Amino acid sequence: MRIGVLLSGCGVYDGAEIYESVITLLALDRAGAEARCMAPDVEQMHVVDHRTGAVMEGETRNVLTEAARICRGDVVDLAGVSADELDGLILPGGFGAAKNLSDFALKGDACSVHPEVSRLVLAMLDAKKPVGAVCIAPAVVAAILRDAGRSGSLTVGLAQGENQGVGEAIEAMGITHAACPVTEVREDAELGLVSTPAYMEAGRISEAAAGIEALVARILELAAAPA
């Protein structure tokens, strides 16, 4: 079984969240599934110094090149991936999902999504193949559903405190936000869409891992189910 893992760079503040990405890859491998890592071949929105959180003015990095750091170089350009070659798809979080796969970080519920990301996610859903979204990535999927005129249900956690606005933005896009503790998942059974909060709620890597591992397990179950 082959599951696509759509990365958005490398590093929580400007790319894919590394813990979330590695936990996903580890869970897939432990289950005997093949992970197919991919990323768009575009420049990052900006580069962030992960020691200070400050934007590094004048520096640029490529999303595909940075994503290669996470998966030991075994990554392909998203533009060359079709739903036909995958049994499922998972989008880890990190601000790269909201900055490089979309502009949610800048525009909230008025955001747009990179066309190749939209293409593959919709192709998977149309083929009745499961899609998993972790952390902030459900906001990206919500925008894709909105633009396609579809309804659905997703979670970014309990959507309280500093994360309340993300849940509200998902609702503003016409998508139901389902509250969810960090160690659990929420599933839109009609779409085959599974989501979990991870570091939208997690205070420890083990908390994030519990939800991500549950998401991976459910994606594999759905992928193995008869059509």
Protein backbone atom coordinates (compact mmCIF):
# COMPACT_ATOMS: atom_id res chain seq x y z
CA MET A 1 0.00 0.00 0.00
CA ARG A 2 1.34 3.43 -0.95
CA ILE A 3 0.39 6.55 1.01
CA GLY A 4 1.37 10.00 -0.17
CA VAL A 5 2.83 12.39 2.40
CA LEU A 6 2.51 15.98 1.23
CA LEU A 7 5.22 18.14 2.82
CA SER A 8 5.44 21.93 2.86
CA GLY A 9 9.14 22.46 3.52
CA CYS A 10 11.11 21.72 6.68
CA GLY A 11 10.58 23.41 10.03
CA VAL A 12 7.51 24.33 12.04
CA TYR A 13 7.60 28.10 11.45
CA ASP A 14 8.07 28.13 7.68
CA GLY A 15 7.63 24.54 6.49
CA ALA A 16 6.39 21.11 7.52
CA GLU A 17 6.39 20.36 11.26
CA ILE A 18 9.24 17.89 11.58
CA TYR A 19 7.89 15.85 14.51
CA GLU A 20 4.50 15.49 12.82
CA SER A 21 6.09 14.49 9.53
CA VAL A 22 8.46 11.93 11.05
CA ILE A 23 5.77 10.43 13.28
CA THR A 24 3.61 10.01 10.17
CA LEU A 25 6.42 8.35 8.25
CA LEU A 26 7.31 6.08 11.17
CA ALA A 27 3.71 5.00 11.70
CA LEU A 28 3.35 4.18 8.01
CA ASP A 29 6.56 2.16 7.98
CA ARG A 30 5.65 0.24 11.12
CA ALA A 31 2.35 -0.69 9.47
CA GLY A 32 4.16 -1.99 6.39
CA ALA A 33 2.96 0.80 4.11
CA GLU A 34 5.10 2.64 1.58
CA ALA A 35 5.31 6.41 2.06
CA ARG A 36 5.61 8.56 -1.06
CA CYS A 37 6.86 11.98 -0.02
CA MET A 38 6.12 14.97 -2.22
CA ALA A 39 6.16 18.76 -2.14
CA PRO A 40 5.51 21.62 -4.55
CA ASP A 41 8.55 22.97 -6.37
CA VAL A 42 8.07 26.60 -5.26
CA GLU A 43 9.84 29.15 -3.11
CA GLN A 44 8.81 29.46 0.52
CA MET A 45 6.78 32.47 1.58
CA HIS A 46 9.73 33.44 3.78
CA VAL A 47 12.51 31.89 5.86
CA VAL A 48 12.28 31.93 9.66
CA ASP A 49 15.16 31.64 12.13
CA HIS A 50 13.88 28.81 14.31
CA ARG A 51 16.03 29.93 17.25
CA THR A 52 14.44 33.37 17.46
CA GLY A 53 11.24 33.16 15.41
CA ALA A 54 12.38 36.14 13.33
CA VAL A 55 12.02 36.31 9.55
CA MET A 56 15.42 36.17 7.84
CA GLU A 57 15.14 39.06 5.41
CA GLY A 58 16.65 38.49 1.97
CA GLU A 59 16.94 34.70 2.34
CA THR A 60 14.98 32.33 0.12
CA ARG A 61 14.51 28.57 0.20
CA ASN A 62 12.74 26.09 -2.06
CA VAL A 63 9.89 24.04 -0.56
CA LEU A 64 10.78 20.84 -2.44
CA THR A 65 14.47 21.13 -1.58
CA GLU A 66 13.71 21.76 2.08
CA ALA A 67 11.22 18.88 2.23
CA ALA A 68 14.00 16.56 1.07
CA ARG A 69 15.70 17.13 4.45
CA ILE A 70 12.89 15.29 6.24
CA CYS A 71 12.80 12.19 4.05
CA ARG A 72 16.51 11.67 3.34
CA GLY A 73 16.17 13.07 -0.18
CA ASP A 74 13.44 10.65 -1.27
CA VAL A 75 10.90 13.25 -2.39
CA VAL A 76 9.23 14.09 -5.70
CA ASP A 77 7.65 17.17 -7.23
CA LEU A 78 3.95 17.26 -6.40
CA ALA A 79 3.16 18.26 -9.98
CA GLY A 80 4.15 14.80 -11.19
CA VAL A 81 1.98 12.83 -8.74
CA SER A 82 -1.44 11.48 -9.63
CA ALA A 83 -4.13 9.95 -7.45
CA ASP A 84 -3.85 6.75 -9.50
CA GLU A 85 -0.50 5.92 -7.92
CA LEU A 86 -1.63 6.42 -4.31
CA ASP A 87 -3.93 4.55 -1.94
CA GLY A 88 -4.23 7.45 0.48
CA LEU A 89 -2.79 10.90 1.21
CA ILE A 90 -1.69 12.61 4.44
CA LEU A 91 -0.86 16.29 4.93
CA PRO A 92 1.28 16.94 8.04
CA GLY A 93 1.03 20.36 9.64
CA GLY A 94 3.48 23.14 10.33
CA PHE A 95 3.11 26.75 9.23
CA GLY A 96 4.32 25.73 5.77
CA ALA A 97 0.84 24.33 5.14
CA ALA A 98 -0.57 27.79 5.85
CA LYS A 99 2.24 29.68 4.09
CA ASN A 100 3.48 27.50 1.21
CA LEU A 101 0.62 25.13 0.39
CA SER A 102 -1.82 28.00 0.85
CA ASP A 103 -1.87 31.59 2.05
CA PHE A 104 -4.11 30.83 5.04
CA ALA A 105 -1.55 32.43 7.37
CA LEU A 106 -2.10 35.75 5.59
CA LYS A 107 -5.73 35.66 4.51
CA GLY A 108 -7.55 33.27 6.83
CA ASP A 109 -10.92 32.14 5.47
CA ALA A 110 -10.33 34.19 2.27
CA CYS A 111 -7.22 32.14 1.48
CA SER A 112 -6.32 30.39 -1.76
CA VAL A 113 -4.55 27.04 -2.13
CA HIS A 114 -1.67 26.09 -4.41
CA PRO A 115 -3.38 24.62 -7.51
CA GLU A 116 -1.37 21.38 -7.44
CA VAL A 117 -2.35 20.79 -3.82
CA SER A 118 -6.01 21.32 -4.69
CA ARG A 119 -5.72 19.09 -7.75
CA LEU A 120 -4.34 16.11 -5.87
CA VAL A 121 -6.58 16.39 -2.81
CA LEU A 122 -9.72 16.62 -4.98
CA ALA A 123 -8.54 13.77 -7.18
CA MET A 124 -8.08 11.58 -4.11
CA LEU A 125 -11.52 12.45 -2.77
CA ASP A 126 -13.12 11.89 -6.18
CA ALA A 127 -11.46 8.48 -6.35
CA LYS A 128 -12.83 7.64 -2.88
CA LYS A 129 -9.32 7.40 -1.49
CA PRO A 130 -8.78 8.61 2.09
CA VAL A 131 -7.13 11.91 2.95
CA GLY A 132 -5.64 12.72 6.35
CA ALA A 133 -4.92 16.24 7.60
CA VAL A 134 -2.81 17.02 10.66
CA CYS A 135 -2.53 20.15 12.83
CA ILE A 136 -3.18 23.29 10.69
CA ALA A 137 -3.47 21.30 7.43
CA PRO A 138 -7.26 20.86 7.87
CA ALA A 139 -7.59 24.60 7.14
CA VAL A 140 -5.98 23.96 3.75
CA VAL A 141 -8.35 21.09 3.02
CA ALA A 142 -11.29 23.23 4.15
CA ALA A 143 -10.37 25.87 1.57
CA ILE A 144 -10.13 23.20 -1.13
CA LEU A 145 -13.61 21.92 -0.25
CA ARG A 146 -14.96 25.48 -0.19
CA ASP A 147 -13.57 26.25 -3.63
CA ALA A 148 -15.03 23.01 -4.99
CA GLY A 149 -18.46 23.84 -3.56
CA ARG A 150 -18.41 20.88 -1.20
CA SER A 151 -19.28 20.44 2.45
CA GLY A 152 -17.35 18.45 5.00
CA SER A 153 -16.14 18.14 8.57
CA LEU A 154 -12.61 18.65 9.93
CA THR A 155 -10.83 19.38 13.19
CA VAL A 156 -7.91 21.48 14.39
CA GLY A 157 -8.60 20.52 18.01
CA LEU A 158 -10.77 22.14 20.65
CA ALA A 159 -10.52 25.52 18.87
CA GLN A 160 -10.20 27.44 22.12
CA GLY A 161 -7.81 30.18 23.18
CA GLU A 162 -5.25 31.10 20.54
CA ASN A 163 -6.59 28.42 18.19
CA GLN A 164 -10.19 29.60 18.31
CA GLY A 165 -9.74 31.75 15.23
CA VAL A 166 -8.65 28.77 13.12
CA GLY A 167 -11.80 26.85 13.96
CA GLU A 168 -13.87 29.94 13.22
CA ALA A 169 -12.12 30.38 9.86
CA ILE A 170 -12.94 26.79 8.90
CA GLU A 171 -16.57 27.41 9.79
CA ALA A 172 -16.51 30.66 7.79
CA MET A 173 -15.44 28.61 4.75
CA GLY A 174 -18.65 26.61 5.07
CA ILE A 175 -16.97 23.56 6.59
CA THR A 176 -18.00 22.07 9.93
CA HIS A 177 -15.36 22.22 12.66
CA ALA A 178 -15.55 19.20 14.98
CA ALA A 179 -13.91 19.71 18.38
CA CYS A 180 -11.33 17.01 19.13
CA PRO A 181 -8.86 16.21 21.95
CA VAL A 182 -5.22 15.92 20.92
CA THR A 183 -5.02 12.13 21.18
CA GLU A 184 -8.08 11.48 19.01
CA VAL A 185 -9.17 11.89 15.39
CA ARG A 186 -12.32 13.07 13.71
CA GLU A 187 -13.60 11.48 10.52
CA ASP A 188 -15.89 12.66 7.76
CA ALA A 189 -17.11 9.22 6.75
CA GLU A 190 -18.77 10.41 3.56
CA LEU A 191 -15.59 11.99 2.22
CA GLY A 192 -13.07 9.58 3.73
CA LEU A 193 -11.41 12.55 5.43
CA VAL A 194 -9.59 12.09 8.75
CA SER A 195 -8.04 14.87 10.85
CA THR A 196 -6.26 15.27 14.19
CA PRO A 197 -5.03 18.32 16.15
CA ALA A 198 -1.38 17.34 16.83
CA TYR A 199 0.53 20.51 17.77
CA MET A 200 -2.55 22.69 17.58
CA GLU A 201 -3.20 21.16 21.01
CA ALA A 202 -0.19 19.04 21.95
CA GLY A 203 2.14 20.06 24.74
CA ARG A 204 4.39 17.02 24.30
CA ILE A 205 5.54 14.95 21.36
CA SER A 206 3.85 11.87 22.82
CA GLU A 207 0.48 13.65 22.75
CA ALA A 208 0.94 14.58 19.11
CA ALA A 209 2.07 11.04 18.31
CA ALA A 210 -1.05 9.45 19.81
CA GLY A 211 -3.36 11.37 17.49
CA ILE A 212 -1.16 11.04 14.42
CA GLU A 213 -0.73 7.31 14.89
CA ALA A 214 -4.51 6.95 15.21
CA LEU A 215 -4.94 8.97 12.01
CA VAL A 216 -2.44 6.83 10.11
CA ALA A 217 -4.11 3.65 11.33
CA ARG A 218 -7.52 4.90 10.18
CA ILE A 219 -6.21 6.06 6.79
CA LEU A 220 -4.75 2.59 6.21
CA GLU A 221 -8.02 0.93 7.24
CA LEU A 222 -9.97 3.09 4.83
CA ALA A 223 -7.43 2.51 2.05
CA ALA A 224 -7.69 -1.25 2.51
CA ALA A 225 -11.50 -1.30 2.58
CA PRO A 226 -13.31 -2.62 -0.50
CA ALA A 227 -14.44 0.12 -2.88
